[in-house]
Amino acid sequence: LLATAGFGRWHCELEAHVLHYAQLSGLTQELKALGAHNLNPGRPG
C-alpha cells in the first residue's frame, strides 16, 4: 500500500515492543481503558 500511495519517497521501520504484566487481568483491563479491546467481527457476544 505504501509503495502505491502516490508519495515521492517513503520509509518504514518496524519496532517490537514487549510489555509485561503480573497477571492477565492487568493486560485486559488496560485494553479496556484504552478503548482498544476486541472490535472485530466474529467476536463472541
All heavy atoms as atom14 arrays in JSON, in Angstrom:
{
  "sequence": "LLATAGFGRWHCELEAHVLHYAQLSGLTQELKALGAHNLNPGRPG",
  "atom14_mask": [
    [1, 1, 1, 1, 1, 1, 1, 1, 0, 0, 0, 0, 0, 0],
    [1, 1, 1, 1, 1, 1, 1, 1, 0, 0, 0, 0, 0, 0],
    [1, 1, 1, 1, 1, 0, 0, 0, 0, 0, 0, 0, 0, 0],
    [1, 1, 1, 1, 1, 1, 1, 0, 0, 0, 0, 0, 0, 0],
    [1, 1, 1, 1, 1, 0, 0, 0, 0, 0, 0, 0, 0, 0],
    [1, 1, 1, 1, 0, 0, 0, 0, 0, 0, 0, 0, 0, 0],
    [1, 1, 1, 1, 1, 1, 1, 1, 1, 1, 1, 0, 0, 0],
    [1, 1, 1, 1, 0, 0, 0, 0, 0, 0, 0, 0, 0, 0],
    [1, 1, 1, 1, 1, 1, 1, 1, 1, 1, 1, 0, 0, 0],
    [1, 1, 1, 1, 1, 1, 1, 1, 1, 1, 1, 1, 1, 1],
    [1, 1, 1, 1, 1, 1, 1, 1, 1, 1, 0, 0, 0, 0],
    [1, 1, 1, 1, 1, 1, 0, 0, 0, 0, 0, 0, 0, 0],
    [1, 1, 1, 1, 1, 1, 1, 1, 1, 0, 0, 0, 0, 0],
    [1, 1, 1, 1, 1, 1, 1, 1, 0, 0, 0, 0, 0, 0],
    [1, 1, 1, 1, 1, 1, 1, 1, 1, 0, 0, 0, 0, 0],
    [1, 1, 1, 1, 1, 0, 0, 0, 0, 0, 0, 0, 0, 0],
    [1, 1, 1, 1, 1, 1, 1, 1, 1, 1, 0, 0, 0, 0],
    [1, 1, 1, 1, 1, 1, 1, 0, 0, 0, 0, 0, 0, 0],
    [1, 1, 1, 1, 1, 1, 1, 1, 0, 0, 0, 0, 0, 0],
    [1, 1, 1, 1, 1, 1, 1, 1, 1, 1, 0, 0, 0, 0],
    [1, 1, 1, 1, 1, 1, 1, 1, 1, 1, 1, 1, 0, 0],
    [1, 1, 1, 1, 1, 0, 0, 0, 0, 0, 0, 0, 0, 0],
    [1, 1, 1, 1, 1, 1, 1, 1, 1, 0, 0, 0, 0, 0],
    [1, 1, 1, 1, 1, 1, 1, 1, 0, 0, 0, 0, 0, 0],
    [1, 1, 1, 1, 1, 1, 0, 0, 0, 0, 0, 0, 0, 0],
    [1, 1, 1, 1, 0, 0, 0, 0, 0, 0, 0, 0, 0, 0],
    [1, 1, 1, 1, 1, 1, 1, 1, 0, 0, 0, 0, 0, 0],
    [1, 1, 1, 1, 1, 1, 1, 0, 0, 0, 0, 0, 0, 0],
    [1, 1, 1, 1, 1, 1, 1, 1, 1, 0, 0, 0, 0, 0],
    [1, 1, 1, 1, 1, 1, 1, 1, 1, 0, 0, 0, 0, 0],
    [1, 1, 1, 1, 1, 1, 1, 1, 0, 0, 0, 0, 0, 0],
    [1, 1, 1, 1, 1, 1, 1, 1, 1, 0, 0, 0, 0, 0],
    [1, 1, 1, 1, 1, 0, 0, 0, 0, 0, 0, 0, 0, 0],
    [1, 1, 1, 1, 1, 1, 1, 1, 0, 0, 0, 0, 0, 0],
    [1, 1, 1, 1, 0, 0, 0, 0, 0, 0, 0, 0, 0, 0],
    [1, 1, 1, 1, 1, 0, 0, 0, 0, 0, 0, 0, 0, 0],
    [1, 1, 1, 1, 1, 1, 1, 1, 1, 1, 0, 0, 0, 0],
    [1, 1, 1, 1, 1, 1, 1, 1, 0, 0, 0, 0, 0, 0],
    [1, 1, 1, 1, 1, 1, 1, 1, 0, 0, 0, 0, 0, 0],
    [1, 1, 1, 1, 1, 1, 1, 1, 0, 0, 0, 0, 0, 0],
    [1, 1, 1, 1, 1, 1, 1, 0, 0, 0, 0, 0, 0, 0],
    [1, 1, 1, 1, 0, 0, 0, 0, 0, 0, 0, 0, 0, 0],
    [1, 1, 1, 1, 1, 1, 1, 1, 1, 1, 1, 0, 0, 0],
    [1, 1, 1, 1, 1, 1, 1, 0, 0, 0, 0, 0, 0, 0],
    [1, 1, 1, 1, 0, 0, 0, 0, 0, 0, 0, 0, 0, 0]
  ],
  "atom14_positions": [
    [[0.82, -1.21, 0.0], [0.0, 0.0, 0.0], [0.86, 1.26, 0.0], [0.57, 2.22, -0.72], [-0.91, 0.01, 1.22], [-2.2, -0.81, 1.15], [-2.96, -0.7, 2.47], [-3.08, -0.35, 0.0], [0.0, 0.0, 0.0], [0.0, 0.0, 0.0], [0.0, 0.0, 0.0], [0.0, 0.0, 0.0], [0.0, 0.0, 0.0], [0.0, 0.0, 0.0]],
    [[1.9, 1.26, 0.8], [2.77, 2.43, 0.88], [3.43, 2.72, -0.47], [3.57, 3.89, -0.86], [3.85, 2.22, 1.94], [3.37, 2.0, 3.38], [4.56, 1.75, 4.31], [2.55, 3.19, 3.87], [0.0, 0.0, 0.0], [0.0, 0.0, 0.0], [0.0, 0.0, 0.0], [0.0, 0.0, 0.0], [0.0, 0.0, 0.0], [0.0, 0.0, 0.0]],
    [[3.81, 1.68, -1.18], [4.51, 1.85, -2.45], [3.61, 2.4, -3.55], [4.11, 2.96, -4.53], [5.1, 0.51, -2.89], [0.0, 0.0, 0.0], [0.0, 0.0, 0.0], [0.0, 0.0, 0.0], [0.0, 0.0, 0.0], [0.0, 0.0, 0.0], [0.0, 0.0, 0.0], [0.0, 0.0, 0.0], [0.0, 0.0, 0.0], [0.0, 0.0, 0.0]],
    [[2.31, 2.26, -3.39], [1.38, 2.69, -4.44], [0.48, 3.84, -3.98], [-0.55, 4.11, -4.59], [0.49, 1.5, -4.88], [-0.21, 0.98, -3.74], [1.34, 0.39, -5.49], [0.0, 0.0, 0.0], [0.0, 0.0, 0.0], [0.0, 0.0, 0.0], [0.0, 0.0, 0.0], [0.0, 0.0, 0.0], [0.0, 0.0, 0.0], [0.0, 0.0, 0.0]],
    [[0.88, 4.53, -2.92], [0.02, 5.55, -2.31], [0.18, 6.94, -2.91], [-0.5, 7.87, -2.5], [0.27, 5.61, -0.8], [0.0, 0.0, 0.0], [0.0, 0.0, 0.0], [0.0, 0.0, 0.0], [0.0, 0.0, 0.0], [0.0, 0.0, 0.0], [0.0, 0.0, 0.0], [0.0, 0.0, 0.0], [0.0, 0.0, 0.0], [0.0, 0.0, 0.0]],
    [[1.11, 7.1, -3.84], [1.25, 8.38, -4.51], [2.23, 9.34, -3.86], [2.18, 10.54, -4.13], [0.0, 0.0, 0.0], [0.0, 0.0, 0.0], [0.0, 0.0, 0.0], [0.0, 0.0, 0.0], [0.0, 0.0, 0.0], [0.0, 0.0, 0.0], [0.0, 0.0, 0.0], [0.0, 0.0, 0.0], [0.0, 0.0, 0.0], [0.0, 0.0, 0.0]],
    [[3.13, 8.83, -3.02], [4.15, 9.66, -2.41], [5.47, 9.51, -3.16], [5.76, 8.45, -3.71], [4.34, 9.29, -0.94], [3.2, 9.72, -0.06], [2.03, 8.97, 0.0], [3.29, 10.87, 0.7], [0.97, 9.36, 0.8], [2.23, 11.27, 1.51], [1.08, 10.52, 1.56], [0.0, 0.0, 0.0], [0.0, 0.0, 0.0], [0.0, 0.0, 0.0]],
    [[6.28, 10.57, -3.15], [7.55, 10.51, -3.86], [8.55, 9.57, -3.21], [9.26, 8.83, -3.89], [0.0, 0.0, 0.0], [0.0, 0.0, 0.0], [0.0, 0.0, 0.0], [0.0, 0.0, 0.0], [0.0, 0.0, 0.0], [0.0, 0.0, 0.0], [0.0, 0.0, 0.0], [0.0, 0.0, 0.0], [0.0, 0.0, 0.0], [0.0, 0.0, 0.0]],
    [[8.6, 9.58, -1.89], [9.51, 8.69, -1.17], [8.9, 8.36, 0.18], [8.14, 9.15, 0.75], [10.9, 9.31, -1.0], [10.93, 10.66, -0.3], [12.29, 11.32, -0.39], [12.3, 12.67, 0.15], [12.6, 12.97, 1.4], [12.96, 12.02, 2.26], [12.59, 14.23, 1.84], [0.0, 0.0, 0.0], [0.0, 0.0, 0.0], [0.0, 0.0, 0.0]],
    [[9.24, 7.19, 0.68], [8.73, 6.78, 1.97], [9.72, 5.81, 2.62], [10.56, 5.21, 1.95], [7.36, 6.12, 1.85], [7.31, 4.9, 0.96], [7.12, 4.88, -0.4], [7.48, 3.54, 1.34], [7.16, 3.6, -0.89], [7.36, 2.75, 0.16], [7.7, 2.89, 2.56], [7.48, 1.36, 0.18], [7.81, 1.52, 2.58], [7.7, 0.77, 1.4]],
    [[9.6, 5.71, 3.92], [10.49, 4.83, 4.69], [9.69, 4.21, 5.81], [8.92, 4.89, 6.49], [11.67, 5.63, 5.26], [12.63, 4.8, 6.05], [13.41, 3.81, 5.49], [12.94, 4.82, 7.37], [14.16, 3.25, 6.42], [13.89, 3.85, 7.58], [0.0, 0.0, 0.0], [0.0, 0.0, 0.0], [0.0, 0.0, 0.0], [0.0, 0.0, 0.0]],
    [[9.85, 2.91, 6.0], [9.1, 2.17, 7.03], [10.07, 1.38, 7.88], [10.89, 0.61, 7.35], [8.08, 1.24, 6.36], [7.19, 0.16, 7.51], [0.0, 0.0, 0.0], [0.0, 0.0, 0.0], [0.0, 0.0, 0.0], [0.0, 0.0, 0.0], [0.0, 0.0, 0.0], [0.0, 0.0, 0.0], [0.0, 0.0, 0.0], [0.0, 0.0, 0.0]],
    [[10.01, 1.57, 9.16], [10.8, 0.79, 10.12], [9.87, 0.06, 11.07], [8.83, 0.59, 11.46], [11.73, 1.7, 10.93], [12.85, 2.34, 10.15], [13.76, 3.15, 11.07], [14.46, 2.53, 11.9], [13.74, 4.39, 10.97], [0.0, 0.0, 0.0], [0.0, 0.0, 0.0], [0.0, 0.0, 0.0], [0.0, 0.0, 0.0], [0.0, 0.0, 0.0]],
    [[10.26, -1.14, 11.46], [9.45, -1.93, 12.39], [10.05, -1.87, 13.79], [11.27, -1.95, 13.96], [9.36, -3.38, 11.92], [8.7, -3.6, 10.56], [8.68, -5.09, 10.22], [7.28, -3.03, 10.54], [0.0, 0.0, 0.0], [0.0, 0.0, 0.0], [0.0, 0.0, 0.0], [0.0, 0.0, 0.0], [0.0, 0.0, 0.0], [0.0, 0.0, 0.0]],
    [[9.19, -1.73, 14.77], [9.58, -1.75, 16.17], [8.78, -2.84, 16.88], [7.58, -2.96, 16.66], [9.24, -0.43, 16.88], [10.04, 0.76, 16.48], [9.58, 2.01, 17.24], [8.54, 1.96, 17.93], [10.27, 3.03, 17.12], [0.0, 0.0, 0.0], [0.0, 0.0, 0.0], [0.0, 0.0, 0.0], [0.0, 0.0, 0.0], [0.0, 0.0, 0.0]],
    [[9.44, -3.61, 17.71], [8.75, -4.58, 18.55], [8.79, -4.07, 19.99], [9.87, -3.75, 20.52], [9.4, -5.95, 18.46], [0.0, 0.0, 0.0], [0.0, 0.0, 0.0], [0.0, 0.0, 0.0], [0.0, 0.0, 0.0], [0.0, 0.0, 0.0], [0.0, 0.0, 0.0], [0.0, 0.0, 0.0], [0.0, 0.0, 0.0], [0.0, 0.0, 0.0]],
    [[7.64, -3.94, 20.6], [7.53, -3.53, 22.0], [6.94, -4.69, 22.78], [5.88, -5.21, 22.41], [6.61, -2.31, 22.14], [7.12, -1.08, 21.47], [7.63, 0.0, 22.16], [7.21, -0.75, 20.15], [8.0, 0.93, 21.31], [7.75, 0.51, 20.08], [0.0, 0.0, 0.0], [0.0, 0.0, 0.0], [0.0, 0.0, 0.0], [0.0, 0.0, 0.0]],
    [[7.59, -5.1, 23.84], [7.09, -6.18, 24.68], [6.81, -5.62, 26.08], [7.73, -5.2, 26.77], [8.06, -7.37, 24.77], [7.44, -8.5, 25.6], [8.42, -7.88, 23.37], [0.0, 0.0, 0.0], [0.0, 0.0, 0.0], [0.0, 0.0, 0.0], [0.0, 0.0, 0.0], [0.0, 0.0, 0.0], [0.0, 0.0, 0.0], [0.0, 0.0, 0.0]],
    [[5.53, -5.57, 26.43], [5.13, -5.12, 27.76], [4.92, -6.34, 28.65], [4.64, -7.44, 28.16], [3.83, -4.31, 27.67], [3.78, -3.22, 26.6], [2.47, -2.44, 26.71], [4.97, -2.3, 26.67], [0.0, 0.0, 0.0], [0.0, 0.0, 0.0], [0.0, 0.0, 0.0], [0.0, 0.0, 0.0], [0.0, 0.0, 0.0], [0.0, 0.0, 0.0]],
    [[5.06, -6.16, 29.94], [4.91, -7.28, 30.88], [3.9, -6.93, 31.97], [3.82, -5.79, 32.43], [6.26, -7.64, 31.51], [7.22, -8.25, 30.54], [8.09, -7.49, 29.79], [7.44, -9.54, 30.18], [8.82, -8.28, 29.02], [8.44, -9.52, 29.24], [0.0, 0.0, 0.0], [0.0, 0.0, 0.0], [0.0, 0.0, 0.0], [0.0, 0.0, 0.0]],
    [[3.15, -7.94, 32.37], [2.08, -7.79, 33.36], [2.2, -8.89, 34.4], [2.53, -10.04, 34.06], [0.71, -7.86, 32.68], [0.52, -6.81, 31.61], [0.98, -7.02, 30.31], [-0.08, -5.59, 31.91], [0.83, -6.05, 29.33], [-0.24, -4.61, 30.94], [0.23, -4.85, 29.66], [0.08, -3.88, 28.7], [0.0, 0.0, 0.0], [0.0, 0.0, 0.0]],
    [[1.91, -8.52, 35.63], [1.96, -9.52, 36.7], [0.88, -10.57, 36.5], [1.11, -11.77, 36.73], [1.8, -8.84, 38.06], [0.0, 0.0, 0.0], [0.0, 0.0, 0.0], [0.0, 0.0, 0.0], [0.0, 0.0, 0.0], [0.0, 0.0, 0.0], [0.0, 0.0, 0.0], [0.0, 0.0, 0.0], [0.0, 0.0, 0.0], [0.0, 0.0, 0.0]],
    [[-0.3, -10.13, 36.06], [-1.42, -11.03, 35.82], [-2.1, -10.66, 34.51], [-2.0, -9.52, 34.04], [-2.45, -10.95, 36.98], [-1.87, -11.23, 38.35], [-1.36, -12.67, 38.49], [-1.83, -13.57, 37.8], [-0.41, -12.86, 39.39], [0.0, 0.0, 0.0], [0.0, 0.0, 0.0], [0.0, 0.0, 0.0], [0.0, 0.0, 0.0], [0.0, 0.0, 0.0]],
    [[-2.81, -11.61, 33.92], [-3.51, -11.37, 32.67], [-4.54, -10.25, 32.81], [-4.75, -9.47, 31.88], [-4.2, -12.65, 32.21], [-5.03, -12.56, 30.92], [-4.17, -12.09, 29.76], [-5.67, -13.91, 30.61], [0.0, 0.0, 0.0], [0.0, 0.0, 0.0], [0.0, 0.0, 0.0], [0.0, 0.0, 0.0], [0.0, 0.0, 0.0], [0.0, 0.0, 0.0]],
    [[-5.14, -10.13, 33.98], [-6.14, -9.09, 34.19], [-5.55, -7.69, 33.98], [-6.27, -6.77, 33.57], [-6.74, -9.2, 35.59], [-5.72, -9.09, 36.58], [0.0, 0.0, 0.0], [0.0, 0.0, 0.0], [0.0, 0.0, 0.0], [0.0, 0.0, 0.0], [0.0, 0.0, 0.0], [0.0, 0.0, 0.0], [0.0, 0.0, 0.0], [0.0, 0.0, 0.0]],
    [[-4.27, -7.51, 34.23], [-3.63, -6.22, 34.01], [-3.66, -5.83, 32.54], [-3.93, -4.67, 32.19], [0.0, 0.0, 0.0], [0.0, 0.0, 0.0], [0.0, 0.0, 0.0], [0.0, 0.0, 0.0], [0.0, 0.0, 0.0], [0.0, 0.0, 0.0], [0.0, 0.0, 0.0], [0.0, 0.0, 0.0], [0.0, 0.0, 0.0], [0.0, 0.0, 0.0]],
    [[-3.42, -6.8, 31.66], [-3.48, -6.54, 30.22], [-4.91, -6.26, 29.76], [-5.17, -5.29, 29.05], [-2.91, -7.73, 29.45], [-3.11, -7.72, 27.93], [-2.48, -6.49, 27.29], [-2.55, -9.01, 27.32], [0.0, 0.0, 0.0], [0.0, 0.0, 0.0], [0.0, 0.0, 0.0], [0.0, 0.0, 0.0], [0.0, 0.0, 0.0], [0.0, 0.0, 0.0]],
    [[-5.84, -7.11, 30.16], [-7.22, -6.96, 29.69], [-7.85, -5.67, 30.2], [-8.59, -5.0, 29.47], [-8.07, -8.17, 30.09], [-8.02, -8.34, 31.51], [-7.54, -9.44, 29.42], [0.0, 0.0, 0.0], [0.0, 0.0, 0.0], [0.0, 0.0, 0.0], [0.0, 0.0, 0.0], [0.0, 0.0, 0.0], [0.0, 0.0, 0.0], [0.0, 0.0, 0.0]],
    [[-7.54, -5.29, 31.43], [-8.07, -4.03, 31.96], [-7.46, -2.83, 31.25], [-8.14, -1.83, 31.01], [-7.82, -3.96, 33.47], [-8.67, -4.91, 34.28], [-8.22, -5.01, 35.73], [-7.38, -4.25, 36.18], [-8.77, -5.97, 36.46], [0.0, 0.0, 0.0], [0.0, 0.0, 0.0], [0.0, 0.0, 0.0], [0.0, 0.0, 0.0], [0.0, 0.0, 0.0]],
    [[-6.2, -2.93, 30.87], [-5.55, -1.84, 30.14], [-6.16, -1.68, 28.76], [-6.42, -0.56, 28.31], [-4.05, -2.1, 30.03], [-3.28, -0.99, 29.35], [-1.79, -1.21, 29.39], [-1.21, -1.06, 30.48], [-1.22, -1.57, 28.34], [0.0, 0.0, 0.0], [0.0, 0.0, 0.0], [0.0, 0.0, 0.0], [0.0, 0.0, 0.0], [0.0, 0.0, 0.0]],
    [[-6.4, -2.78, 28.06], [-7.02, -2.71, 26.74], [-8.4, -2.06, 26.82], [-8.78, -1.26, 25.96], [-7.12, -4.11, 26.13], [-5.8, -4.77, 25.73], [-6.04, -6.2, 25.26], [-5.09, -3.97, 24.65], [0.0, 0.0, 0.0], [0.0, 0.0, 0.0], [0.0, 0.0, 0.0], [0.0, 0.0, 0.0], [0.0, 0.0, 0.0], [0.0, 0.0, 0.0]],
    [[-9.15, -2.38, 27.86], [-10.46, -1.78, 28.05], [-10.33, -0.28, 28.32], [-11.1, 0.54, 27.78], [-11.21, -2.46, 29.19], [-12.62, -1.94, 29.39], [-13.35, -2.72, 30.48], [-14.77, -2.19, 30.66], [-15.5, -2.93, 31.73], [0.0, 0.0, 0.0], [0.0, 0.0, 0.0], [0.0, 0.0, 0.0], [0.0, 0.0, 0.0], [0.0, 0.0, 0.0]],
    [[-9.37, 0.11, 29.16], [-9.17, 1.52, 29.49], [-8.77, 2.33, 28.27], [-9.08, 3.52, 28.15], [-8.12, 1.66, 30.59], [0.0, 0.0, 0.0], [0.0, 0.0, 0.0], [0.0, 0.0, 0.0], [0.0, 0.0, 0.0], [0.0, 0.0, 0.0], [0.0, 0.0, 0.0], [0.0, 0.0, 0.0], [0.0, 0.0, 0.0], [0.0, 0.0, 0.0]],
    [[-8.08, 1.69, 27.32], [-7.64, 2.36, 26.1], [-8.72, 2.39, 25.03], [-8.57, 3.08, 24.01], [-6.4, 1.66, 25.53], [-5.13, 1.75, 26.38], [-4.08, 0.8, 25.84], [-4.6, 3.18, 26.4], [0.0, 0.0, 0.0], [0.0, 0.0, 0.0], [0.0, 0.0, 0.0], [0.0, 0.0, 0.0], [0.0, 0.0, 0.0], [0.0, 0.0, 0.0]],
    [[-9.78, 1.62, 25.21], [-10.8, 1.51, 24.18], [-10.38, 0.61, 23.05], [-10.98, 0.61, 21.97], [0.0, 0.0, 0.0], [0.0, 0.0, 0.0], [0.0, 0.0, 0.0], [0.0, 0.0, 0.0], [0.0, 0.0, 0.0], [0.0, 0.0, 0.0], [0.0, 0.0, 0.0], [0.0, 0.0, 0.0], [0.0, 0.0, 0.0], [0.0, 0.0, 0.0]],
    [[-9.32, -0.18, 23.24], [-8.73, -0.99, 22.17], [-9.01, -2.47, 22.35], [-8.28, -3.31, 21.85], [-7.21, -0.76, 22.13], [0.0, 0.0, 0.0], [0.0, 0.0, 0.0], [0.0, 0.0, 0.0], [0.0, 0.0, 0.0], [0.0, 0.0, 0.0], [0.0, 0.0, 0.0], [0.0, 0.0, 0.0], [0.0, 0.0, 0.0], [0.0, 0.0, 0.0]],
    [[-10.08, -2.81, 23.06], [-10.44, -4.21, 23.18], [-11.02, -4.7, 21.86], [-11.09, -3.95, 20.89], [-11.44, -4.42, 24.33], [-12.64, -3.53, 24.24], [-12.59, -2.18, 24.51], [-13.91, -3.79, 23.88], [-13.78, -1.66, 24.33], [-14.6, -2.6, 23.93], [0.0, 0.0, 0.0], [0.0, 0.0, 0.0], [0.0, 0.0, 0.0], [0.0, 0.0, 0.0]],
    [[-11.41, -5.94, 21.81], [-11.77, -6.6, 20.55], [-12.94, -5.91, 19.85], [-14.03, -5.82, 20.37], [-12.12, -8.06, 20.83], [-12.4, -8.84, 19.57], [-12.04, -8.42, 18.47], [-13.02, -9.98, 19.72], [0.0, 0.0, 0.0], [0.0, 0.0, 0.0], [0.0, 0.0, 0.0], [0.0, 0.0, 0.0], [0.0, 0.0, 0.0], [0.0, 0.0, 0.0]],
    [[-12.69, -5.44, 18.61], [-13.7, -4.73, 17.84], [-13.98, -5.41, 16.51], [-14.64, -4.85, 15.64], [-13.24, -3.29, 17.57], [-13.05, -2.42, 18.81], [-12.31, -1.14, 18.46], [-14.39, -2.1, 19.44], [0.0, 0.0, 0.0], [0.0, 0.0, 0.0], [0.0, 0.0, 0.0], [0.0, 0.0, 0.0], [0.0, 0.0, 0.0], [0.0, 0.0, 0.0]],
    [[-13.5, -6.63, 16.33], [-13.63, -7.32, 15.06], [-14.9, -8.15, 14.96], [-15.39, -8.66, 15.96], [-12.42, -8.25, 14.83], [-11.25, -7.5, 14.23], [-11.31, -7.01, 13.12], [-10.17, -7.42, 14.99], [0.0, 0.0, 0.0], [0.0, 0.0, 0.0], [0.0, 0.0, 0.0], [0.0, 0.0, 0.0], [0.0, 0.0, 0.0], [0.0, 0.0, 0.0]],
    [[-15.41, -8.33, 13.72], [-16.48, -9.31, 13.52], [-15.98, -10.7, 13.93], [-14.79, -10.99, 13.82], [-16.75, -9.24, 12.01], [-16.23, -7.91, 11.59], [-15.06, -7.63, 12.49], [0.0, 0.0, 0.0], [0.0, 0.0, 0.0], [0.0, 0.0, 0.0], [0.0, 0.0, 0.0], [0.0, 0.0, 0.0], [0.0, 0.0, 0.0], [0.0, 0.0, 0.0]],
    [[-16.89, -11.53, 14.41], [-16.51, -12.87, 14.83], [-16.22, -12.96, 16.31], [-15.94, -14.04, 16.83], [0.0, 0.0, 0.0], [0.0, 0.0, 0.0], [0.0, 0.0, 0.0], [0.0, 0.0, 0.0], [0.0, 0.0, 0.0], [0.0, 0.0, 0.0], [0.0, 0.0, 0.0], [0.0, 0.0, 0.0], [0.0, 0.0, 0.0], [0.0, 0.0, 0.0]],
    [[-16.29, -11.81, 17.0], [-16.07, -11.85, 18.45], [-17.3, -12.45, 19.12], [-18.42, -12.32, 18.62], [-15.82, -10.44, 18.99], [-16.98, -9.5, 18.78], [-16.6, -8.05, 19.11], [-17.73, -7.18, 18.85], [-18.05, -6.71, 17.65], [-17.33, -7.06, 16.59], [-19.09, -5.93, 17.48], [0.0, 0.0, 0.0], [0.0, 0.0, 0.0], [0.0, 0.0, 0.0]],
    [[-17.14, -13.1, 20.26], [-18.29, -13.7, 20.93], [-19.19, -12.65, 21.52], [-18.74, -11.59, 21.97], [-17.64, -14.56, 22.02], [-16.33, -13.9, 22.29], [-15.88, -13.33, 20.97], [0.0, 0.0, 0.0], [0.0, 0.0, 0.0], [0.0, 0.0, 0.0], [0.0, 0.0, 0.0], [0.0, 0.0, 0.0], [0.0, 0.0, 0.0], [0.0, 0.0, 0.0]],
    [[-20.49, -12.9, 21.55], [-21.43, -11.98, 22.17], [-21.54, -12.26, 23.66], [-21.22, -13.35, 24.14], [0.0, 0.0, 0.0], [0.0, 0.0, 0.0], [0.0, 0.0, 0.0], [0.0, 0.0, 0.0], [0.0, 0.0, 0.0], [0.0, 0.0, 0.0], [0.0, 0.0, 0.0], [0.0, 0.0, 0.0], [0.0, 0.0, 0.0], [0.0, 0.0, 0.0]]
  ]
}
